[in-house]
Amino acid sequence: VTRRRVGKGTAWYVGTELTPDALDTLATQIFTTTKPVVGGLPEGVEAIRRVGEQGTYVFVINHTREPVIVPVRGADLLSGNEGGPHLVRAGQVAVIREG
């Protein structure tokens, strides 16, 4: 297992298949040493931020059965909604260009 800081984040590389116990231990270590991209989201809602030459984008996937409010300001490129926070319905996705 290799861990390398890259920019403001950390990349992890696992070069083997881990046993279930080892995978649980590693996952616990990763989850307890990282902070969420968007705070306050319920379990089952993923958010990741990507930064590029064109801007900063937050990708949100709502795996739950309930709508969720995502406290990010910007334009949702999929729905066309501007401003924020953004409503992401159950089973839906948002791509928010911050700014």
PDB file of N, CA and C in Angstrom:
ATOM      1  N   VAL A   1       0.860  -1.164   0.000  1.00  0.00           N
ATOM      2  CA  VAL A   1       0.000   0.000   0.000  1.00  0.00           C
ATOM      3  C   VAL A   1       0.905   1.225   0.000  1.00  0.00           C
ATOM      4  N   THR A   2       0.631   2.131  -0.948  1.00  0.00           N
ATOM      5  CA  THR A   2       1.401   3.370  -1.045  1.00  0.00           C
ATOM      6  C   THR A   2       0.440   4.544  -0.939  1.00  0.00           C
ATOM      7  N   ARG A   3       0.871   5.554  -0.215  1.00  0.00           N
ATOM      8  CA  ARG A   3       0.080   6.779  -0.083  1.00  0.00           C
ATOM      9  C   ARG A   3       0.973   7.951  -0.490  1.00  0.00           C
ATOM     10  N   ARG A   4       0.420   8.821  -1.343  1.00  0.00           N
ATOM     11  CA  ARG A   4       1.198   9.963  -1.829  1.00  0.00           C
ATOM     12  C   ARG A   4       0.318  11.200  -1.857  1.00  0.00           C
ATOM     13  N   ARG A   5       0.809  12.277  -1.260  1.00  0.00           N
ATOM     14  CA  ARG A   5       0.089  13.545  -1.305  1.00  0.00           C
ATOM     15  C   ARG A   5       0.244  14.140  -2.703  1.00  0.00           C
ATOM     16  N   VAL A   6      -0.882  14.562  -3.280  1.00  0.00           N
ATOM     17  CA  VAL A   6      -0.901  15.146  -4.610  1.00  0.00           C
ATOM     18  C   VAL A   6      -1.735  16.418  -4.527  1.00  0.00           C
ATOM     19  N   GLY A   7      -1.109  17.576  -4.695  1.00  0.00           N
ATOM     20  CA  GLY A   7      -1.845  18.827  -4.566  1.00  0.00           C
ATOM     21  C   GLY A   7      -2.459  18.924  -3.193  1.00  0.00           C
ATOM     22  N   LYS A   8      -3.789  19.119  -3.143  1.00  0.00           N
ATOM     23  CA  LYS A   8      -4.495  19.209  -1.867  1.00  0.00           C
ATOM     24  C   LYS A   8      -5.076  17.874  -1.438  1.00  0.00           C
ATOM     25  N   GLY A   9      -4.807  16.817  -2.192  1.00  0.00           N
ATOM     26  CA  GLY A   9      -5.387  15.514  -1.878  1.00  0.00           C
ATOM     27  C   GLY A   9      -4.330  14.458  -1.638  1.00  0.00           C
ATOM     28  N   THR A  10      -4.784  13.227  -1.558  1.00  0.00           N
ATOM     29  CA  THR A  10      -3.903  12.096  -1.330  1.00  0.00           C
ATOM     30  C   THR A  10      -4.325  10.957  -2.247  1.00  0.00           C
ATOM     31  N   ALA A  11      -3.348  10.342  -2.893  1.00  0.00           N
ATOM     32  CA  ALA A  11      -3.613   9.187  -3.752  1.00  0.00           C
ATOM     33  C   ALA A  11      -3.160   7.924  -3.015  1.00  0.00           C
ATOM     34  N   TRP A  12      -3.988   6.902  -3.044  1.00  0.00           N
ATOM     35  CA  TRP A  12      -3.671   5.618  -2.429  1.00  0.00           C
ATOM     36  C   TRP A  12      -3.538   4.572  -3.533  1.00  0.00           C
ATOM     37  N   TYR A  13      -2.550   3.699  -3.427  1.00  0.00           N
ATOM     38  CA  TYR A  13      -2.367   2.608  -4.377  1.00  0.00           C
ATOM     39  C   TYR A  13      -2.218   1.320  -3.592  1.00  0.00           C
ATOM     40  N   VAL A  14      -3.021   0.336  -3.938  1.00  0.00           N
ATOM     41  CA  VAL A  14      -2.947  -0.975  -3.310  1.00  0.00           C
ATOM     42  C   VAL A  14      -2.547  -1.951  -4.398  1.00  0.00           C
ATOM     43  N   GLY A  15      -1.385  -2.569  -4.245  1.00  0.00           N
ATOM     44  CA  GLY A  15      -0.832  -3.429  -5.287  1.00  0.00           C
ATOM     45  C   GLY A  15      -1.124  -4.904  -5.104  1.00  0.00           C
ATOM     46  N   THR A  16      -2.156  -5.227  -4.358  1.00  0.00           N
ATOM     47  CA  THR A  16      -2.506  -6.620  -4.138  1.00  0.00           C
ATOM     48  C   THR A  16      -3.977  -6.725  -3.762  1.00  0.00           C
ATOM     49  N   GLU A  17      -4.491  -7.919  -3.747  1.00  0.00           N
ATOM     50  CA  GLU A  17      -5.857  -8.143  -3.270  1.00  0.00           C
ATOM     51  C   GLU A  17      -5.800  -8.338  -1.761  1.00  0.00           C
ATOM     52  N   LEU A  18      -6.521  -7.503  -1.052  1.00  0.00           N
ATOM     53  CA  LEU A  18      -6.500  -7.566   0.401  1.00  0.00           C
ATOM     54  C   LEU A  18      -7.544  -8.535   0.934  1.00  0.00           C
ATOM     55  N   THR A  19      -7.258  -9.093   2.095  1.00  0.00           N
ATOM     56  CA  THR A  19      -8.268  -9.904   2.775  1.00  0.00           C
ATOM     57  C   THR A  19      -9.384  -8.959   3.227  1.00  0.00           C
ATOM     58  N   PRO A  20     -10.580  -9.469   3.490  1.00  0.00           N
ATOM     59  CA  PRO A  20     -11.658  -8.591   3.958  1.00  0.00           C
ATOM     60  C   PRO A  20     -11.279  -7.782   5.206  1.00  0.00           C
ATOM     61  N   ASP A  21     -10.592  -8.397   6.166  1.00  0.00           N
ATOM     62  CA  ASP A  21     -10.190  -7.681   7.379  1.00  0.00           C
ATOM     63  C   ASP A  21      -9.180  -6.571   7.060  1.00  0.00           C
ATOM     64  N   ALA A  22      -8.213  -6.873   6.192  1.00  0.00           N
ATOM     65  CA  ALA A  22      -7.212  -5.867   5.825  1.00  0.00           C
ATOM     66  C   ALA A  22      -7.861  -4.716   5.057  1.00  0.00           C
ATOM     67  N   LEU A  23      -8.810  -5.040   4.186  1.00  0.00           N
ATOM     68  CA  LEU A  23      -9.516  -4.008   3.439  1.00  0.00           C
ATOM     69  C   LEU A  23     -10.327  -3.120   4.376  1.00  0.00           C
ATOM     70  N   ASP A  24     -10.999  -3.705   5.351  1.00  0.00           N
ATOM     71  CA  ASP A  24     -11.742  -2.924   6.348  1.00  0.00           C
ATOM     72  C   ASP A  24     -10.813  -1.998   7.120  1.00  0.00           C
ATOM     73  N   THR A  25      -9.659  -2.513   7.514  1.00  0.00           N
ATOM     74  CA  THR A  25      -8.684  -1.702   8.256  1.00  0.00           C
ATOM     75  C   THR A  25      -8.202  -0.534   7.410  1.00  0.00           C
ATOM     76  N   LEU A  26      -7.859  -0.796   6.148  1.00  0.00           N
ATOM     77  CA  LEU A  26      -7.392   0.265   5.258  1.00  0.00           C
ATOM     78  C   LEU A  26      -8.499   1.283   4.997  1.00  0.00           C
ATOM     79  N   ALA A  27      -9.703   0.815   4.722  1.00  0.00           N
ATOM     80  CA  ALA A  27     -10.818   1.731   4.464  1.00  0.00           C
ATOM     81  C   ALA A  27     -11.082   2.620   5.675  1.00  0.00           C
ATOM     82  N   THR A  28     -11.028   2.054   6.860  1.00  0.00           N
ATOM     83  CA  THR A  28     -11.220   2.846   8.081  1.00  0.00           C
ATOM     84  C   THR A  28     -10.148   3.911   8.194  1.00  0.00           C
ATOM     85  N   GLN A  29      -8.902   3.553   7.908  1.00  0.00           N
ATOM     86  CA  GLN A  29      -7.809   4.530   7.966  1.00  0.00           C
ATOM     87  C   GLN A  29      -8.022   5.653   6.951  1.00  0.00           C
ATOM     88  N   ILE A  30      -8.412   5.306   5.736  1.00  0.00           N
ATOM     89  CA  ILE A  30      -8.633   6.314   4.704  1.00  0.00           C
ATOM     90  C   ILE A  30      -9.785   7.241   5.098  1.00  0.00           C
ATOM     91  N   PHE A  31     -10.897   6.658   5.537  1.00  0.00           N
ATOM     92  CA  PHE A  31     -12.079   7.461   5.867  1.00  0.00           C
ATOM     93  C   PHE A  31     -11.876   8.337   7.089  1.00  0.00           C
ATOM     94  N   THR A  32     -11.032   7.928   8.011  1.00  0.00           N
ATOM     95  CA  THR A  32     -10.813   8.739   9.213  1.00  0.00           C
ATOM     96  C   THR A  32      -9.732   9.792   9.018  1.00  0.00           C
ATOM     97  N   THR A  33      -8.984   9.717   7.927  1.00  0.00           N
ATOM     98  CA  THR A  33      -7.931  10.717   7.692  1.00  0.00           C
ATOM     99  C   THR A  33      -8.290  11.691   6.573  1.00  0.00           C
ATOM    100  N   THR A  34      -9.465  11.557   6.012  1.00  0.00           N
ATOM    101  CA  THR A  34      -9.886  12.464   4.948  1.00  0.00           C
ATOM    102  C   THR A  34     -11.092  13.273   5.408  1.00  0.00           C
ATOM    103  N   LYS A  35     -11.285  14.405   4.774  1.00  0.00           N
ATOM    104  CA  LYS A  35     -12.471  15.201   5.084  1.00  0.00           C
ATOM    105  C   LYS A  35     -13.376  15.211   3.859  1.00  0.00           C
ATOM    106  N   PRO A  36     -14.676  15.321   4.070  1.00  0.00           N
ATOM    107  CA  PRO A  36     -15.599  15.285   2.930  1.00  0.00           C
ATOM    108  C   PRO A  36     -15.447  16.521   2.043  1.00  0.00           C
ATOM    109  N   VAL A  37     -15.709  16.344   0.768  1.00  0.00           N
ATOM    110  CA  VAL A  37     -15.658  17.449  -0.194  1.00  0.00           C
ATOM    111  C   VAL A  37     -16.744  18.465   0.121  1.00  0.00           C
ATOM    112  N   VAL A  38     -17.928  17.982   0.448  1.00  0.00           N
ATOM    113  CA  VAL A  38     -19.061  18.830   0.820  1.00  0.00           C
ATOM    114  C   VAL A  38     -19.558  18.339   2.175  1.00  0.00           C
ATOM    115  N   GLY A  39     -19.484  19.181   3.171  1.00  0.00           N
ATOM    116  CA  GLY A  39     -19.906  18.784   4.509  1.00  0.00           C
ATOM    117  C   GLY A  39     -21.415  18.681   4.638  1.00  0.00           C
ATOM    118  N   GLY A  40     -21.853  17.836   5.545  1.00  0.00           N
ATOM    119  CA  GLY A  40     -23.270  17.739   5.874  1.00  0.00           C
ATOM    120  C   GLY A  40     -24.107  16.864   4.977  1.00  0.00           C
ATOM    121  N   LEU A  41     -23.506  16.161   4.027  1.00  0.00           N
ATOM    122  CA  LEU A  41     -24.297  15.285   3.161  1.00  0.00           C
ATOM    123  C   LEU A  41     -24.562  13.964   3.871  1.00  0.00           C
ATOM    124  N   PRO A  42     -25.752  13.390   3.677  1.00  0.00           N
ATOM    125  CA  PRO A  42     -26.061  12.125   4.343  1.00  0.00           C
ATOM    126  C   PRO A  42     -25.316  10.955   3.710  1.00  0.00           C
ATOM    127  N   GLU A  43     -25.277   9.851   4.452  1.00  0.00           N
ATOM    128  CA  GLU A  43     -24.696   8.632   3.917  1.00  0.00           C
ATOM    129  C   GLU A  43     -25.464   8.239   2.660  1.00  0.00           C
ATOM    130  N   GLY A  44     -24.737   7.812   1.645  1.00  0.00           N
ATOM    131  CA  GLY A  44     -25.379   7.443   0.389  1.00  0.00           C
ATOM    132  C   GLY A  44     -25.343   8.544  -0.652  1.00  0.00           C
ATOM    133  N   VAL A  45     -24.745   9.677  -0.317  1.00  0.00           N
ATOM    134  CA  VAL A  45     -24.586  10.771  -1.280  1.00  0.00           C
ATOM    135  C   VAL A  45     -23.092  11.003  -1.465  1.00  0.00           C
ATOM    136  N   GLU A  46     -22.616  10.811  -2.696  1.00  0.00           N
ATOM    137  CA  GLU A  46     -21.203  10.994  -3.005  1.00  0.00           C
ATOM    138  C   GLU A  46     -20.970  12.382  -3.587  1.00  0.00           C
ATOM    139  N   ALA A  47     -19.844  12.973  -3.225  1.00  0.00           N
ATOM    140  CA  ALA A  47     -19.447  14.242  -3.826  1.00  0.00           C
ATOM    141  C   ALA A  47     -17.943  14.226  -4.026  1.00  0.00           C
ATOM    142  N   ILE A  48     -17.514  14.685  -5.191  1.00  0.00           N
ATOM    143  CA  ILE A  48     -16.086  14.777  -5.484  1.00  0.00           C
ATOM    144  C   ILE A  48     -15.839  16.078  -6.223  1.00  0.00           C
ATOM    145  N   ARG A  49     -14.720  16.712  -5.947  1.00  0.00           N
ATOM    146  CA  ARG A  49     -14.376  17.989  -6.578  1.00  0.00           C
ATOM    147  C   ARG A  49     -13.203  17.748  -7.529  1.00  0.00           C
ATOM    148  N   ARG A  50     -13.327  18.290  -8.719  1.00  0.00           N
ATOM    149  CA  ARG A  50     -12.256  18.227  -9.705  1.00  0.00           C
ATOM    150  C   ARG A  50     -11.917  19.642 -10.140  1.00  0.00           C
ATOM    151  N   VAL A  51     -10.616  19.920 -10.218  1.00  0.00           N
ATOM    152  CA  VAL A  51     -10.137  21.241 -10.606  1.00  0.00           C
ATOM    153  C   VAL A  51      -9.366  21.104 -11.904  1.00  0.00           C
ATOM    154  N   GLY A  52      -9.706  21.957 -12.875  1.00  0.00           N
ATOM    155  CA  GLY A  52      -9.016  21.941 -14.160  1.00  0.00           C
ATOM    156  C   GLY A  52      -8.847  23.345 -14.693  1.00  0.00           C
ATOM    157  N   GLU A  53      -8.326  23.438 -15.876  1.00  0.00           N
ATOM    158  CA  GLU A  53      -8.087  24.740 -16.500  1.00  0.00           C
ATOM    159  C   GLU A  53      -9.380  25.511 -16.735  1.00  0.00           C
ATOM    160  N   GLN A  54     -10.487  24.819 -16.936  1.00  0.00           N
ATOM    161  CA  GLN A  54     -11.775  25.450 -17.221  1.00  0.00           C
ATOM    162  C   GLN A  54     -12.527  25.865 -15.958  1.00  0.00           C
ATOM    163  N   GLY A  55     -12.085  25.408 -14.782  1.00  0.00           N
ATOM    164  CA  GLY A  55     -12.765  25.766 -13.544  1.00  0.00           C
ATOM    165  C   GLY A  55     -12.781  24.627 -12.550  1.00  0.00           C
ATOM    166  N   THR A  56     -13.593  24.799 -11.503  1.00  0.00           N
ATOM    167  CA  THR A  56     -13.745  23.804 -10.445  1.00  0.00           C
ATOM    168  C   THR A  56     -15.159  23.242 -10.512  1.00  0.00           C
ATOM    169  N   TYR A  57     -15.255  21.917 -10.464  1.00  0.00           N
ATOM    170  CA  TYR A  57     -16.535  21.234 -10.605  1.00  0.00           C
ATOM    171  C   TYR A  57     -16.763  20.289  -9.425  1.00  0.00           C
ATOM    172  N   VAL A  58     -17.994  20.247  -8.929  1.00  0.00           N
ATOM    173  CA  VAL A  58     -18.383  19.287  -7.905  1.00  0.00           C
ATOM    174  C   VAL A  58     -19.380  18.325  -8.540  1.00  0.00           C
ATOM    175  N   PHE A  59     -19.039  17.040  -8.528  1.00  0.00           N
ATOM    176  CA  PHE A  59     -19.901  15.990  -9.056  1.00  0.00           C
ATOM    177  C   PHE A  59     -20.612  15.348  -7.865  1.00  0.00           C
ATOM    178  N   VAL A  60     -21.939  15.261  -7.926  1.00  0.00           N
ATOM    179  CA  VAL A  60     -22.730  14.720  -6.822  1.00  0.00           C
ATOM    180  C   VAL A  60     -23.600  13.590  -7.359  1.00  0.00           C
ATOM    181  N   ILE A  61     -23.583  12.456  -6.652  1.00  0.00           N
ATOM    182  CA  ILE A  61     -24.450  11.330  -6.985  1.00  0.00           C
ATOM    183  C   ILE A  61     -25.279  11.011  -5.742  1.00  0.00           C
ATOM    184  N   ASN A  62     -26.591  11.050  -5.893  1.00  0.00           N
ATOM    185  CA  ASN A  62     -27.485  10.751  -4.778  1.00  0.00           C
ATOM    186  C   ASN A  62     -27.983   9.312  -4.930  1.00  0.00           C
ATOM    187  N   HIS A  63     -27.407   8.403  -4.166  1.00  0.00           N
ATOM    188  CA  HIS A  63     -27.778   6.990  -4.204  1.00  0.00           C
ATOM    189  C   HIS A  63     -28.970   6.684  -3.293  1.00  0.00           C
ATOM    190  N   THR A  64     -29.463   7.682  -2.572  1.00  0.00           N
ATOM    191  CA  THR A  64     -30.530   7.440  -1.602  1.00  0.00           C
ATOM    192  C   THR A  64     -31.906   7.508  -2.259  1.00  0.00           C
ATOM    193  N   ARG A  65     -32.938   7.299  -1.457  1.00  0.00           N
ATOM    194  CA  ARG A  65     -34.322   7.371  -1.933  1.00  0.00           C
ATOM    195  C   ARG A  65     -34.972   8.701  -1.592  1.00  0.00           C
ATOM    196  N   GLU A  66     -34.170   9.627  -1.073  1.00  0.00           N
ATOM    197  CA  GLU A  66     -34.681  10.937  -0.667  1.00  0.00           C
ATOM    198  C   GLU A  66     -33.908  12.041  -1.376  1.00  0.00           C
ATOM    199  N   PRO A  67     -34.559  13.172  -1.664  1.00  0.00           N
ATOM    200  CA  PRO A  67     -33.820  14.307  -2.226  1.00  0.00           C
ATOM    201  C   PRO A  67     -32.869  14.882  -1.180  1.00  0.00           C
ATOM    202  N   VAL A  68     -31.820  15.515  -1.637  1.00  0.00           N
ATOM    203  CA  VAL A  68     -30.839  16.105  -0.729  1.00  0.00           C
ATOM    204  C   VAL A  68     -30.483  17.510  -1.221  1.00  0.00           C
ATOM    205  N   ILE A  69     -30.241  18.396  -0.276  1.00  0.00           N
ATOM    206  CA  ILE A  69     -29.783  19.750  -0.597  1.00  0.00           C
ATOM    207  C   ILE A  69     -28.268  19.756  -0.517  1.00  0.00           C
ATOM    208  N   VAL A  70     -27.615  20.184  -1.590  1.00  0.00           N
ATOM    209  CA  VAL A  70     -26.161  20.240  -1.655  1.00  0.00           C
ATOM    210  C   VAL A  70     -25.737  21.704  -1.508  1.00  0.00           C
ATOM    211  N   PRO A  71     -25.040  22.042  -0.410  1.00  0.00           N
ATOM    212  CA  PRO A  71     -24.689  23.430  -0.145  1.00  0.00           C
ATOM    213  C   PRO A  71     -23.468  23.906  -0.930  1.00  0.00           C
ATOM    214  N   VAL A  72     -23.601  23.917  -2.247  1.00  0.00           N
ATOM    215  CA  VAL A  72     -22.527  24.379  -3.135  1.00  0.00           C
ATOM    216  C   VAL A  72     -23.114  25.457  -4.034  1.00  0.00           C
ATOM    217  N   ARG A  73     -22.380  26.550  -4.207  1.00  0.00           N
ATOM    218  CA  ARG A  73     -22.839  27.639  -5.075  1.00  0.00           C
ATOM    219  C   ARG A  73     -22.189  27.493  -6.442  1.00  0.00           C
ATOM    220  N   GLY A  74     -22.996  27.730  -7.480  1.00  0.00           N
ATOM    221  CA  GLY A  74     -22.509  27.650  -8.843  1.00  0.00           C
ATOM    222  C   GLY A  74     -23.628  27.219  -9.775  1.00  0.00           C
ATOM    223  N   ALA A  75     -23.249  26.850 -10.982  1.00  0.00           N
ATOM    224  CA  ALA A  75     -24.219  26.445 -12.008  1.00  0.00           C
ATOM    225  C   ALA A  75     -24.222  24.930 -12.150  1.00  0.00           C
ATOM    226  N   ASP A  76     -25.413  24.319 -12.009  1.00  0.00           N
ATOM    227  CA  ASP A  76     -25.558  22.891 -12.250  1.00  0.00           C
ATOM    228  C   ASP A  76     -25.645  22.695 -13.763  1.00  0.00           C
ATOM    229  N   LEU A  77     -24.635  22.090 -14.337  1.00  0.00           N
ATOM    230  CA  LEU A  77     -24.550  21.961 -15.787  1.00  0.00           C
ATOM    231  C   LEU A  77     -25.586  21.000 -16.363  1.00  0.00           C
ATOM    232  N   LEU A  78     -26.160  20.124 -15.534  1.00  0.00           N
ATOM    233  CA  LEU A  78     -27.156  19.178 -16.028  1.00  0.00           C
ATOM    234  C   LEU A  78     -28.567  19.739 -15.983  1.00  0.00           C
ATOM    235  N   SER A  79     -28.900  20.453 -14.910  1.00  0.00           N
ATOM    236  CA  SER A  79     -30.264  20.975 -14.778  1.00  0.00           C
ATOM    237  C   SER A  79     -30.396  22.416 -15.279  1.00  0.00           C
ATOM    238  N   GLY A  80     -29.280  23.120 -15.365  1.00  0.00           N
ATOM    239  CA  GLY A  80     -29.313  24.528 -15.759  1.00  0.00           C
ATOM    240  C   GLY A  80     -29.565  25.476 -14.602  1.00  0.00           C
ATOM    241  N   ASN A  81     -29.774  24.937 -13.390  1.00  0.00           N
ATOM    242  CA  ASN A  81     -30.012  25.790 -12.228  1.00  0.00           C
ATOM    243  C   ASN A  81     -28.752  26.554 -11.851  1.00  0.00           C
ATOM    244  N   GLU A  82     -28.949  27.819 -11.538  1.00  0.00           N
ATOM    245  CA  GLU A  82     -27.837  28.689 -11.131  1.00  0.00           C
ATOM    246  C   GLU A  82     -27.943  28.971  -9.645  1.00  0.00           C
ATOM    247  N   GLY A  83     -26.865  29.406  -9.067  1.00  0.00           N
ATOM    248  CA  GLY A  83     -26.885  29.841  -7.674  1.00  0.00           C
ATOM    249  C   GLY A  83     -26.500  28.740  -6.723  1.00  0.00           C
ATOM    250  N   GLY A  84     -27.455  28.289  -5.957  1.00  0.00           N
ATOM    251  CA  GLY A  84     -27.202  27.263  -4.960  1.00  0.00           C
ATOM    252  C   GLY A  84     -27.736  27.721  -3.625  1.00  0.00           C
ATOM    253  N   PRO A  85     -27.929  26.854  -2.706  1.00  0.00           N
ATOM    254  CA  PRO A  85     -27.651  25.420  -2.788  1.00  0.00           C
ATOM    255  C   PRO A  85     -28.524  24.719  -3.828  1.00  0.00           C
ATOM    256  N   HIS A  86     -28.165  23.480  -4.143  1.00  0.00           N
ATOM    257  CA  HIS A  86     -28.836  22.734  -5.207  1.00  0.00           C
ATOM    258  C   HIS A  86     -29.578  21.520  -4.655  1.00  0.00           C
ATOM    259  N   LEU A  87     -30.746  21.272  -5.197  1.00  0.00           N
ATOM    260  CA  LEU A  87     -31.522  20.083  -4.864  1.00  0.00           C
ATOM    261  C   LEU A  87     -31.113  18.967  -5.819  1.00  0.00           C
ATOM    262  N   VAL A  88     -30.709  17.820  -5.255  1.00  0.00           N
ATOM    263  CA  VAL A  88     -30.403  16.643  -6.071  1.00  0.00           C
ATOM    264  C   VAL A  88     -31.385  15.560  -5.645  1.00  0.00           C
ATOM    265  N   ARG A  89     -32.273  15.219  -6.546  1.00  0.00           N
ATOM    266  CA  ARG A  89     -33.331  14.254  -6.240  1.00  0.00           C
ATOM    267  C   ARG A  89     -32.766  12.841  -6.087  1.00  0.00           C
ATOM    268  N   ALA A  90     -33.568  11.969  -5.486  1.00  0.00           N
ATOM    269  CA  ALA A  90     -33.180  10.579  -5.283  1.00  0.00           C
ATOM    270  C   ALA A  90     -32.771   9.937  -6.609  1.00  0.00           C
ATOM    271  N   GLY A  91     -31.623   9.284  -6.601  1.00  0.00           N
ATOM    272  CA  GLY A  91     -31.154   8.590  -7.792  1.00  0.00           C
ATOM    273  C   GLY A  91     -30.610   9.486  -8.879  1.00  0.00           C
ATOM    274  N   GLN A  92     -30.479  10.764  -8.609  1.00  0.00           N
ATOM    275  CA  GLN A  92     -30.046  11.719  -9.640  1.00  0.00           C
ATOM    276  C   GLN A  92     -28.597  12.167  -9.416  1.00  0.00           C
ATOM    277  N   VAL A  93     -28.111  12.929 -10.389  1.00  0.00           N
ATOM    278  CA  VAL A  93     -26.730  13.394 -10.409  1.00  0.00           C
ATOM    279  C   VAL A  93     -26.718  14.891 -10.658  1.00  0.00           C
ATOM    280  N   ALA A  94     -25.723  15.579 -10.115  1.00  0.00           N
ATOM    281  CA  ALA A  94     -25.513  17.001 -10.409  1.00  0.00           C
ATOM    282  C   ALA A  94     -24.039  17.199 -10.740  1.00  0.00           C
ATOM    283  N   VAL A  95     -23.771  18.100 -11.664  1.00  0.00           N
ATOM    284  CA  VAL A  95     -22.419  18.547 -11.968  1.00  0.00           C
ATOM    285  C   VAL A  95     -22.434  20.056 -11.812  1.00  0.00           C
ATOM    286  N   ILE A  96     -21.832  20.541 -10.750  1.00  0.00           N
ATOM    287  CA  ILE A  96     -21.914  21.955 -10.410  1.00  0.00           C
ATOM    288  C   ILE A  96     -20.577  22.626 -10.682  1.00  0.00           C
ATOM    289  N   ARG A  97     -20.594  23.617 -11.569  1.00  0.00           N
ATOM    290  CA  ARG A  97     -19.396  24.418 -11.829  1.00  0.00           C
ATOM    291  C   ARG A  97     -19.387  25.522 -10.773  1.00  0.00           C
ATOM    292  N   GLU A  98     -18.428  25.455  -9.858  1.00  0.00           N
ATOM    293  CA  GLU A  98     -18.369  26.433  -8.778  1.00  0.00           C
ATOM    294  C   GLU A  98     -17.989  27.802  -9.306  1.00  0.00           C
ATOM    295  N   GLY A  99     -18.459  28.818  -8.589  1.00  0.00           N
ATOM    296  CA  GLY A  99     -18.071  30.150  -8.995  1.00  0.00           C
ATOM    297  C   GLY A  99     -19.120  31.103  -8.834  1.00  0.00           C
TER     298      GLY A  99
END
